[in-house]
Amino acid sequence: MGIILMTLNHLMLFSDLSMRFKIMLIVVSFSACLLDILSSWLVRFVSADFAYLKLSSMVFEQISLVALIFIIIKSVFMSDGKPAIYEK
């Protein structure tokens, strides 16, 4: 999942969003991924109560993935509100 996030975040950096929003999305997506991986180990070796952390981090991870994919697709096909591919 880390490689997918790194690739999507790298592609998202080329979008027209503000730098503050880009940094926020990168931090949230990688933090959610790290917590998702870490919480599996916490559930196994510490306590089953960390299952709630696992569920919430997985949800945040999936939401950030959908947001990244949406931003990338919009950036590829739309440029300044006009379609990037013009009909001749």
Protein backbone atom coordinates (compact mmCIF):
# COMPACT_ATOMS: atom_id res chain seq x y z
CA MET A 1 0.00 0.00 0.00
CA GLY A 2 2.93 2.32 0.67
CA ILE A 3 4.12 2.18 -2.94
CA ILE A 4 0.63 2.96 -4.21
CA LEU A 5 0.34 5.92 -1.83
CA MET A 6 3.77 7.21 -2.79
CA THR A 7 2.90 7.04 -6.49
CA LEU A 8 -0.51 8.67 -6.07
CA ASN A 9 0.90 11.42 -3.83
CA HIS A 10 3.67 12.08 -6.33
CA LEU A 11 1.15 12.44 -9.15
CA MET A 12 -1.06 14.64 -6.98
CA LEU A 13 1.82 17.08 -6.49
CA PHE A 14 1.47 18.09 -10.15
CA SER A 15 -2.13 19.24 -9.65
CA ASP A 16 -3.26 22.87 -9.35
CA LEU A 17 -4.16 22.63 -5.66
CA SER A 18 -2.64 24.82 -2.98
CA MET A 19 0.58 23.59 -1.44
CA ARG A 20 -0.98 23.59 2.04
CA PHE A 21 -3.75 21.22 0.92
CA LYS A 22 -1.25 18.97 -0.87
CA ILE A 23 0.93 18.66 2.23
CA MET A 24 -2.11 18.02 4.42
CA LEU A 25 -3.35 15.24 2.11
CA ILE A 26 0.10 13.63 1.97
CA VAL A 27 0.46 13.65 5.76
CA VAL A 28 -3.06 12.29 6.32
CA SER A 29 -2.71 9.52 3.74
CA PHE A 30 0.69 8.31 4.97
CA SER A 31 -0.35 8.59 8.63
CA ALA A 32 -3.47 6.55 7.97
CA CYS A 33 -1.42 3.92 6.14
CA LEU A 34 1.12 3.75 8.96
CA LEU A 35 -1.61 3.47 11.59
CA ASP A 36 -3.35 0.78 9.54
CA ILE A 37 -0.20 -1.34 9.48
CA LEU A 38 0.77 -0.59 13.07
CA SER A 39 -2.68 -1.26 14.49
CA SER A 40 -2.63 -4.82 13.13
CA TRP A 41 0.42 -5.52 15.27
CA LEU A 42 -1.14 -3.73 18.23
CA VAL A 43 -4.29 -5.86 18.00
CA ARG A 44 -2.22 -9.03 17.82
CA PHE A 45 0.35 -8.37 20.54
CA VAL A 46 -1.11 -5.71 22.86
CA SER A 47 -4.90 -5.69 23.06
CA ALA A 48 -7.96 -6.40 20.96
CA ASP A 49 -9.20 -2.91 21.83
CA PHE A 50 -6.91 -1.54 19.09
CA ALA A 51 -9.37 -2.99 16.55
CA TYR A 52 -11.21 0.34 16.62
CA LEU A 53 -7.97 2.10 15.65
CA LYS A 54 -7.57 -0.44 12.85
CA LEU A 55 -11.06 0.25 11.51
CA SER A 56 -10.80 4.03 11.72
CA SER A 57 -7.34 4.16 10.14
CA MET A 58 -8.51 1.88 7.33
CA VAL A 59 -11.48 4.17 6.66
CA PHE A 60 -9.25 7.27 6.59
CA GLU A 61 -6.81 5.46 4.32
CA GLN A 62 -9.54 4.53 1.84
CA ILE A 63 -11.00 8.05 1.88
CA SER A 64 -7.58 9.53 1.17
CA LEU A 65 -7.04 7.04 -1.68
CA VAL A 66 -10.36 8.00 -3.27
CA ALA A 67 -9.52 11.70 -2.87
CA LEU A 68 -6.09 11.21 -4.45
CA ILE A 69 -7.51 9.27 -7.39
CA PHE A 70 -10.24 11.87 -7.92
CA ILE A 71 -7.73 14.75 -7.84
CA ILE A 72 -5.40 13.00 -10.27
CA ILE A 73 -8.17 12.13 -12.73
CA LYS A 74 -9.55 15.66 -12.57
CA SER A 75 -6.08 17.12 -13.12
CA VAL A 76 -5.46 14.89 -16.12
CA PHE A 77 -8.73 15.61 -17.91
CA MET A 78 -9.41 19.19 -16.81
CA SER A 79 -7.09 22.14 -17.06
CA ASP A 80 -8.29 25.58 -15.94
CA GLY A 81 -11.90 24.45 -16.23
CA LYS A 82 -11.47 23.47 -19.89
CA PRO A 83 -11.09 19.93 -21.16
CA ALA A 84 -7.43 19.02 -21.69
CA ILE A 85 -8.31 17.10 -24.85
CA TYR A 86 -9.71 19.36 -27.54
CA GLU A 87 -11.82 18.13 -30.41
CA LYS A 88 -10.71 19.19 -33.88
